[in-house]
Amino acid sequence: MKRLVQPLLWVMGIPPDRAAEVPHLTPAEQRLVELLATHLTLTAIARELFVARSTAKSHSLSLYRKLDVHSRAEAVQRSIELGLLDDPRHKSRRP
């Protein structure tokens, strides 16, 4: 398993010594973290994911716990640091 994970971490830009810091996110949490980086409210995110607001809230609290953060902004920043999200400031703009 480690032989498969190491190249994936390298592609994601995560040094092997930081691999232990990257939490395993469920598919629902991964979809959520991508939407937390937007301007959408939690209610709008829930609609986008076709779940109840309480479900989106539950997933967000689980995500915060896994990332060891206490706010949406911290969750987005930590996700960028861990390579779980692309940093929007580094996206190339097309003319």
N, C-alpha and C. Protein backbone atom coordinates (compact mmCIF):
# COMPACT_ATOMS: atom_id res chain seq x y z
N MET A 1 0.83 -1.20 0.00
CA MET A 1 0.00 0.00 0.00
C MET A 1 0.87 1.25 0.00
N LYS A 2 1.92 1.26 0.81
CA LYS A 2 2.79 2.42 0.90
C LYS A 2 3.43 2.73 -0.46
N ARG A 3 3.73 1.67 -1.23
CA ARG A 3 4.33 1.87 -2.55
C ARG A 3 3.37 2.58 -3.49
N LEU A 4 2.07 2.41 -3.27
CA LEU A 4 1.08 3.09 -4.10
C LEU A 4 0.82 4.52 -3.63
N VAL A 5 0.88 4.73 -2.34
CA VAL A 5 0.56 6.04 -1.78
C VAL A 5 1.67 7.05 -2.01
N GLN A 6 2.92 6.65 -1.87
CA GLN A 6 4.04 7.58 -2.00
C GLN A 6 4.04 8.33 -3.33
N PRO A 7 3.89 7.65 -4.49
CA PRO A 7 3.85 8.40 -5.75
C PRO A 7 2.66 9.34 -5.83
N LEU A 8 1.52 8.94 -5.28
CA LEU A 8 0.35 9.79 -5.29
C LEU A 8 0.60 11.06 -4.49
N LEU A 9 1.22 10.92 -3.33
CA LEU A 9 1.54 12.09 -2.51
C LEU A 9 2.50 13.01 -3.24
N TRP A 10 3.47 12.43 -3.94
CA TRP A 10 4.43 13.23 -4.69
C TRP A 10 3.72 14.04 -5.76
N VAL A 11 2.80 13.40 -6.49
CA VAL A 11 2.04 14.09 -7.53
C VAL A 11 1.22 15.22 -6.92
N MET A 12 0.68 15.00 -5.73
CA MET A 12 -0.13 16.02 -5.06
C MET A 12 0.74 17.12 -4.46
N GLY A 13 2.07 16.94 -4.48
CA GLY A 13 2.96 17.94 -3.93
C GLY A 13 3.12 17.85 -2.42
N ILE A 14 2.83 16.69 -1.85
CA ILE A 14 2.93 16.50 -0.40
C ILE A 14 4.20 15.73 -0.10
N PRO A 15 5.14 16.32 0.64
CA PRO A 15 6.37 15.60 0.98
C PRO A 15 6.05 14.35 1.80
N PRO A 16 6.80 13.27 1.61
CA PRO A 16 6.53 12.03 2.35
C PRO A 16 6.50 12.20 3.86
N ASP A 17 7.32 13.12 4.38
CA ASP A 17 7.35 13.30 5.83
C ASP A 17 6.08 13.99 6.35
N ARG A 18 5.29 14.58 5.47
CA ARG A 18 4.04 15.22 5.88
C ARG A 18 2.83 14.35 5.59
N ALA A 19 3.05 13.17 5.02
CA ALA A 19 1.95 12.30 4.63
C ALA A 19 1.07 11.93 5.80
N ALA A 20 1.65 11.77 6.97
CA ALA A 20 0.86 11.39 8.15
C ALA A 20 -0.10 12.50 8.56
N GLU A 21 0.18 13.73 8.14
CA GLU A 21 -0.68 14.86 8.48
C GLU A 21 -1.95 14.91 7.65
N VAL A 22 -1.97 14.23 6.50
CA VAL A 22 -3.10 14.31 5.59
C VAL A 22 -4.19 13.36 6.05
N PRO A 23 -5.32 13.90 6.50
CA PRO A 23 -6.40 13.03 6.97
C PRO A 23 -7.13 12.36 5.82
N HIS A 24 -7.72 11.23 6.09
CA HIS A 24 -8.55 10.57 5.09
C HIS A 24 -9.93 11.22 5.12
N LEU A 25 -10.34 11.78 3.99
CA LEU A 25 -11.66 12.38 3.89
C LEU A 25 -12.59 11.46 3.14
N THR A 26 -13.81 11.37 3.61
CA THR A 26 -14.82 10.61 2.89
C THR A 26 -15.14 11.36 1.60
N PRO A 27 -15.73 10.69 0.61
CA PRO A 27 -16.13 11.41 -0.61
C PRO A 27 -17.05 12.60 -0.31
N ALA A 28 -17.94 12.44 0.65
CA ALA A 28 -18.84 13.55 1.01
C ALA A 28 -18.05 14.72 1.58
N GLU A 29 -17.07 14.44 2.42
CA GLU A 29 -16.25 15.51 3.01
C GLU A 29 -15.40 16.19 1.94
N GLN A 30 -14.91 15.42 0.97
CA GLN A 30 -14.11 16.01 -0.11
C GLN A 30 -14.97 16.95 -0.95
N ARG A 31 -16.20 16.52 -1.28
CA ARG A 31 -17.10 17.39 -2.04
C ARG A 31 -17.41 18.66 -1.24
N LEU A 32 -17.60 18.50 0.05
CA LEU A 32 -17.92 19.62 0.92
C LEU A 32 -16.77 20.62 0.98
N VAL A 33 -15.55 20.13 1.16
CA VAL A 33 -14.41 21.04 1.31
C VAL A 33 -14.22 21.87 0.05
N GLU A 34 -14.51 21.28 -1.11
CA GLU A 34 -14.41 22.04 -2.35
C GLU A 34 -15.43 23.18 -2.39
N LEU A 35 -16.61 22.93 -1.84
CA LEU A 35 -17.65 23.96 -1.83
C LEU A 35 -17.46 24.97 -0.70
N LEU A 36 -16.78 24.57 0.38
CA LEU A 36 -16.51 25.52 1.45
C LEU A 36 -15.60 26.65 0.96
N ALA A 37 -14.83 26.37 -0.07
CA ALA A 37 -13.92 27.38 -0.62
C ALA A 37 -14.64 28.39 -1.51
N THR A 38 -15.94 28.24 -1.65
CA THR A 38 -16.72 29.16 -2.48
C THR A 38 -17.44 30.17 -1.59
N HIS A 39 -18.18 31.04 -2.21
CA HIS A 39 -18.97 32.05 -1.48
C HIS A 39 -20.31 31.51 -0.98
N LEU A 40 -20.61 30.25 -1.30
CA LEU A 40 -21.92 29.69 -0.97
C LEU A 40 -22.12 29.55 0.54
N THR A 41 -23.35 29.77 0.98
CA THR A 41 -23.71 29.54 2.37
C THR A 41 -23.83 28.03 2.58
N LEU A 42 -23.87 27.61 3.84
CA LEU A 42 -24.02 26.19 4.13
C LEU A 42 -25.35 25.66 3.59
N THR A 43 -26.39 26.48 3.64
CA THR A 43 -27.68 26.08 3.08
C THR A 43 -27.58 25.86 1.58
N ALA A 44 -26.90 26.76 0.88
CA ALA A 44 -26.72 26.62 -0.56
C ALA A 44 -25.84 25.41 -0.89
N ILE A 45 -24.83 25.17 -0.07
CA ILE A 45 -23.96 24.00 -0.27
C ILE A 45 -24.79 22.73 -0.12
N ALA A 46 -25.64 22.69 0.89
CA ALA A 46 -26.50 21.52 1.10
C ALA A 46 -27.38 21.28 -0.12
N ARG A 47 -27.95 22.35 -0.66
CA ARG A 47 -28.78 22.22 -1.87
C ARG A 47 -27.95 21.68 -3.03
N GLU A 48 -26.75 22.20 -3.17
CA GLU A 48 -25.85 21.77 -4.25
C GLU A 48 -25.52 20.28 -4.14
N LEU A 49 -25.38 19.80 -2.91
CA LEU A 49 -25.04 18.40 -2.67
C LEU A 49 -26.27 17.49 -2.55
N PHE A 50 -27.45 18.08 -2.62
CA PHE A 50 -28.71 17.34 -2.50
C PHE A 50 -28.82 16.63 -1.15
N VAL A 51 -28.44 17.35 -0.09
CA VAL A 51 -28.57 16.82 1.27
C VAL A 51 -29.24 17.88 2.13
N ALA A 52 -29.68 17.48 3.31
CA ALA A 52 -30.27 18.42 4.25
C ALA A 52 -29.17 19.33 4.80
N ARG A 53 -29.56 20.52 5.23
CA ARG A 53 -28.58 21.43 5.81
C ARG A 53 -27.91 20.79 7.02
N SER A 54 -28.68 20.05 7.82
CA SER A 54 -28.11 19.41 9.01
C SER A 54 -27.05 18.37 8.62
N THR A 55 -27.23 17.71 7.49
CA THR A 55 -26.23 16.75 7.01
C THR A 55 -24.96 17.48 6.60
N ALA A 56 -25.11 18.58 5.87
CA ALA A 56 -23.95 19.37 5.47
C ALA A 56 -23.21 19.90 6.70
N LYS A 57 -23.97 20.32 7.71
CA LYS A 57 -23.38 20.81 8.96
C LYS A 57 -22.61 19.69 9.65
N SER A 58 -23.20 18.50 9.70
CA SER A 58 -22.55 17.35 10.33
C SER A 58 -21.25 17.00 9.61
N HIS A 59 -21.29 17.01 8.27
CA HIS A 59 -20.08 16.73 7.50
C HIS A 59 -19.01 17.80 7.74
N SER A 60 -19.45 19.05 7.85
CA SER A 60 -18.48 20.12 8.07
C SER A 60 -17.82 19.99 9.44
N LEU A 61 -18.60 19.63 10.45
CA LEU A 61 -18.01 19.45 11.79
C LEU A 61 -17.03 18.28 11.81
N SER A 62 -17.36 17.21 11.10
CA SER A 62 -16.44 16.07 10.98
C SER A 62 -15.16 16.49 10.27
N LEU A 63 -15.32 17.27 9.23
CA LEU A 63 -14.17 17.78 8.48
C LEU A 63 -13.30 18.67 9.36
N TYR A 64 -13.91 19.57 10.11
CA TYR A 64 -13.15 20.45 11.01
C TYR A 64 -12.36 19.63 12.02
N ARG A 65 -12.98 18.57 12.55
CA ARG A 65 -12.30 17.72 13.53
C ARG A 65 -11.09 17.03 12.89
N LYS A 66 -11.27 16.50 11.69
CA LYS A 66 -10.17 15.81 11.01
C LYS A 66 -9.03 16.75 10.66
N LEU A 67 -9.37 17.98 10.33
CA LEU A 67 -8.35 18.96 9.96
C LEU A 67 -7.81 19.72 11.16
N ASP A 68 -8.42 19.49 12.32
CA ASP A 68 -8.03 20.17 13.57
C ASP A 68 -8.14 21.68 13.42
N VAL A 69 -9.32 22.12 12.94
CA VAL A 69 -9.59 23.55 12.76
C VAL A 69 -10.93 23.88 13.41
N HIS A 70 -11.23 25.18 13.49
CA HIS A 70 -12.46 25.61 14.16
C HIS A 70 -13.34 26.51 13.32
N SER A 71 -12.96 26.75 12.08
CA SER A 71 -13.78 27.62 11.23
C SER A 71 -13.67 27.20 9.77
N ARG A 72 -14.59 27.74 9.00
CA ARG A 72 -14.60 27.45 7.56
C ARG A 72 -13.32 27.97 6.91
N ALA A 73 -12.92 29.18 7.24
CA ALA A 73 -11.70 29.75 6.66
C ALA A 73 -10.48 28.91 7.01
N GLU A 74 -10.39 28.45 8.25
CA GLU A 74 -9.28 27.59 8.66
C GLU A 74 -9.31 26.26 7.92
N ALA A 75 -10.50 25.72 7.70
CA ALA A 75 -10.63 24.44 6.99
C ALA A 75 -10.14 24.58 5.55
N VAL A 76 -10.51 25.67 4.91
CA VAL A 76 -10.07 25.90 3.53
C VAL A 76 -8.56 26.08 3.49
N GLN A 77 -8.03 26.90 4.39
CA GLN A 77 -6.58 27.14 4.42
C GLN A 77 -5.81 25.85 4.69
N ARG A 78 -6.26 25.08 5.64
CA ARG A 78 -5.59 23.81 5.99
C ARG A 78 -5.67 22.83 4.82
N SER A 79 -6.81 22.79 4.13
CA SER A 79 -6.98 21.91 2.98
C SER A 79 -6.01 22.28 1.86
N ILE A 80 -5.80 23.57 1.67
CA ILE A 80 -4.84 24.03 0.67
C ILE A 80 -3.43 23.61 1.08
N GLU A 81 -3.08 23.82 2.35
CA GLU A 81 -1.76 23.45 2.86
C GLU A 81 -1.48 21.97 2.68
N LEU A 82 -2.51 21.14 2.87
CA LEU A 82 -2.34 19.69 2.78
C LEU A 82 -2.48 19.15 1.36
N GLY A 83 -2.79 20.03 0.42
CA GLY A 83 -2.93 19.60 -0.96
C GLY A 83 -4.27 18.98 -1.27
N LEU A 84 -5.23 19.16 -0.38
CA LEU A 84 -6.57 18.62 -0.62
C LEU A 84 -7.38 19.54 -1.53
N LEU A 85 -6.96 20.80 -1.60
CA LEU A 85 -7.59 21.80 -2.46
C LEU A 85 -6.51 22.55 -3.20
N ASP A 86 -6.81 22.99 -4.41
CA ASP A 86 -5.90 23.86 -5.14
C ASP A 86 -6.02 25.26 -4.57
N ASP A 87 -4.90 25.96 -4.51
CA ASP A 87 -4.91 27.33 -4.05
C ASP A 87 -5.44 28.21 -5.19
N PRO A 88 -6.59 28.84 -5.00
CA PRO A 88 -7.18 29.64 -6.09
C PRO A 88 -6.30 30.82 -6.51
N ARG A 89 -5.40 31.24 -5.65
CA ARG A 89 -4.51 32.35 -6.00
C ARG A 89 -3.46 31.94 -7.02
N HIS A 90 -3.27 30.62 -7.22
CA HIS A 90 -2.26 30.14 -8.14
C HIS A 90 -2.83 29.55 -9.42
N LYS A 91 -4.13 29.73 -9.65
CA LYS A 91 -4.72 29.23 -10.88
C LYS A 91 -4.35 30.19 -12.02
N SER A 92 -4.00 29.59 -13.13
CA SER A 92 -3.65 30.43 -14.27
C SER A 92 -4.93 30.99 -14.89
N ARG A 93 -4.84 32.20 -15.32
CA ARG A 93 -5.98 32.85 -15.95
C ARG A 93 -5.81 32.80 -17.45
N ARG A 94 -6.91 32.48 -18.12
CA ARG A 94 -6.89 32.44 -19.58
C ARG A 94 -7.32 33.80 -20.11
N PRO A 95 -6.66 34.26 -21.16
CA PRO A 95 -7.04 35.57 -21.72
C PRO A 95 -8.39 35.55 -22.37
